[in-house]
Amino acid sequence: MKKTSRGRGREGEQLAARFLQQKGYHIEARNWRYKRYEVDLIACKENILVFVEVKSRRSEAFGFPEQFVNKAQASRIMEAAEAYIHERGWQGNIRFDIIAIKLVSSGQHLIEHFEDAFS
């Protein structure tokens, strides 16, 4: 059965969360919502709160996954992050990352982690 883009997105988020955990991050929240905005993953490591946008693609025919985060989307993620920080009373450092995942056949995948991607 063929996966929908939503199914691929959820699979990508699962892979990204596992990838971050293996790198020593603690996952604080998944699919955190503020108004109509959503942050895929919120993770913490070494007193840095990281807001992560996950992009998954089956191919690079239309570009690399990380290229699909535009300025408007980055702005929405930053606005949602402000709300999360205020709600939690976070006082430490923050960062915005992108995790790009290329899903290839037979359950294989390639993951790239772009730290501080919105600067």
Protein backbone atom coordinates (compact mmCIF):
# COMPACT_ATOMS: atom_id res chain seq x y z
CA MET A 1 0.00 0.00 0.00
CA LYS A 2 1.30 3.43 -0.95
CA LYS A 3 1.94 5.92 1.84
CA THR A 4 0.28 9.31 1.83
CA SER A 5 2.35 12.46 2.28
CA ARG A 6 0.94 12.71 5.82
CA GLY A 7 2.05 9.13 6.51
CA ARG A 8 5.51 9.86 5.15
CA GLY A 9 5.61 13.01 7.29
CA ARG A 10 4.78 11.06 10.45
CA GLU A 11 7.35 8.42 9.55
CA GLY A 12 9.92 11.17 9.04
CA GLU A 13 9.09 12.72 12.42
CA GLN A 14 9.52 9.33 14.10
CA LEU A 15 12.89 8.84 12.42
CA ALA A 16 13.96 12.38 13.35
CA ALA A 17 12.96 11.93 17.00
CA ARG A 18 14.91 8.67 17.22
CA PHE A 19 17.89 10.31 15.48
CA LEU A 20 17.88 13.19 18.00
CA GLN A 21 17.53 10.84 20.97
CA GLN A 22 20.54 8.86 19.74
CA LYS A 23 22.47 12.16 19.67
CA GLY A 24 21.58 12.79 23.33
CA TYR A 25 18.55 15.06 22.94
CA HIS A 26 15.48 14.75 25.13
CA ILE A 27 12.23 15.12 23.17
CA GLU A 28 10.06 17.66 25.01
CA ALA A 29 7.11 17.72 22.58
CA ARG A 30 5.92 16.36 19.25
CA ASN A 31 3.59 18.21 16.91
CA TRP A 32 3.19 21.08 19.39
CA ARG A 33 0.48 23.48 18.25
CA TYR A 34 -0.03 27.20 18.73
CA LYS A 35 -3.02 28.74 16.95
CA ARG A 36 -2.82 27.16 13.48
CA TYR A 37 0.96 26.67 13.61
CA GLU A 38 2.77 23.47 14.45
CA VAL A 39 6.31 22.65 15.52
CA ASP A 40 7.22 19.09 14.54
CA LEU A 41 9.64 18.42 17.40
CA ILE A 42 10.84 20.34 20.43
CA ALA A 43 13.98 18.88 21.94
CA CYS A 44 16.47 19.83 24.61
CA LYS A 45 20.18 19.17 24.97
CA GLU A 46 22.74 20.89 27.18
CA ASN A 47 20.33 23.67 28.21
CA ILE A 48 19.46 24.51 24.59
CA LEU A 49 15.82 24.24 23.60
CA VAL A 50 15.65 23.23 19.94
CA PHE A 51 12.63 23.74 17.68
CA VAL A 52 12.86 21.25 14.82
CA GLU A 53 11.15 21.27 11.45
CA VAL A 54 11.24 17.85 9.81
CA LYS A 55 11.09 17.56 6.03
CA SER A 56 10.79 14.16 4.36
CA ARG A 57 10.90 13.41 0.66
CA ARG A 58 11.01 10.28 -1.46
CA SER A 59 13.28 11.88 -4.04
CA GLU A 60 15.22 15.03 -4.76
CA ALA A 61 13.52 15.52 -8.14
CA PHE A 62 11.99 18.83 -6.99
CA GLY A 63 14.80 19.83 -4.64
CA PHE A 64 16.34 18.82 -1.35
CA PRO A 65 13.98 18.40 1.63
CA GLU A 66 15.57 21.27 3.60
CA GLN A 67 14.80 23.67 0.73
CA PHE A 68 11.08 23.33 1.44
CA VAL A 69 11.18 25.49 4.58
CA ASN A 70 10.37 28.97 3.30
CA LYS A 71 10.57 32.29 5.16
CA ALA A 72 6.84 32.33 5.94
CA GLN A 73 7.01 28.86 7.49
CA ALA A 74 10.14 29.77 9.46
CA SER A 75 8.34 32.86 10.76
CA ARG A 76 5.35 30.76 11.89
CA ILE A 77 7.64 28.31 13.67
CA MET A 78 9.39 31.19 15.43
CA GLU A 79 6.05 32.64 16.54
CA ALA A 80 4.95 29.27 17.90
CA ALA A 81 8.34 28.93 19.63
CA GLU A 82 7.79 32.29 21.36
CA ALA A 83 4.48 31.02 22.72
CA TYR A 84 6.09 27.77 23.91
CA ILE A 85 8.93 29.65 25.61
CA HIS A 86 6.47 31.98 27.33
CA GLU A 87 4.18 29.12 28.38
CA ARG A 88 7.06 27.11 29.87
CA GLY A 89 8.97 30.07 31.31
CA TRP A 90 12.11 28.93 29.46
CA GLN A 91 15.17 31.01 30.36
CA GLY A 92 17.91 29.17 28.45
CA ASN A 93 19.17 29.35 24.89
CA ILE A 94 17.09 28.36 21.88
CA ARG A 95 17.84 27.18 18.36
CA PHE A 96 15.90 26.36 15.20
CA ASP A 97 16.97 23.25 13.29
CA ILE A 98 15.84 21.38 10.21
CA ILE A 99 16.09 17.64 9.85
CA ALA A 100 15.93 16.55 6.23
CA ILE A 101 15.08 12.93 5.52
CA LYS A 102 15.22 11.21 2.18
CA LEU A 103 13.08 8.09 2.29
CA VAL A 104 14.37 5.51 -0.14
CA SER A 105 13.00 2.08 -0.96
CA SER A 106 12.89 -0.90 1.37
CA GLY A 107 12.81 1.12 4.59
CA GLN A 108 16.15 2.82 4.03
CA HIS A 109 16.58 6.52 4.74
CA LEU A 110 19.20 9.25 4.78
CA ILE A 111 19.11 11.91 7.51
CA GLU A 112 20.78 15.32 7.54
CA HIS A 113 20.65 17.62 10.57
CA PHE A 114 20.95 21.37 9.90
CA GLU A 115 21.58 23.18 13.18
CA ASP A 116 20.69 26.86 13.54
CA ALA A 117 18.93 26.71 10.17
CA PHE A 118 16.95 29.94 10.47
CA SER A 119 19.84 32.33 11.06
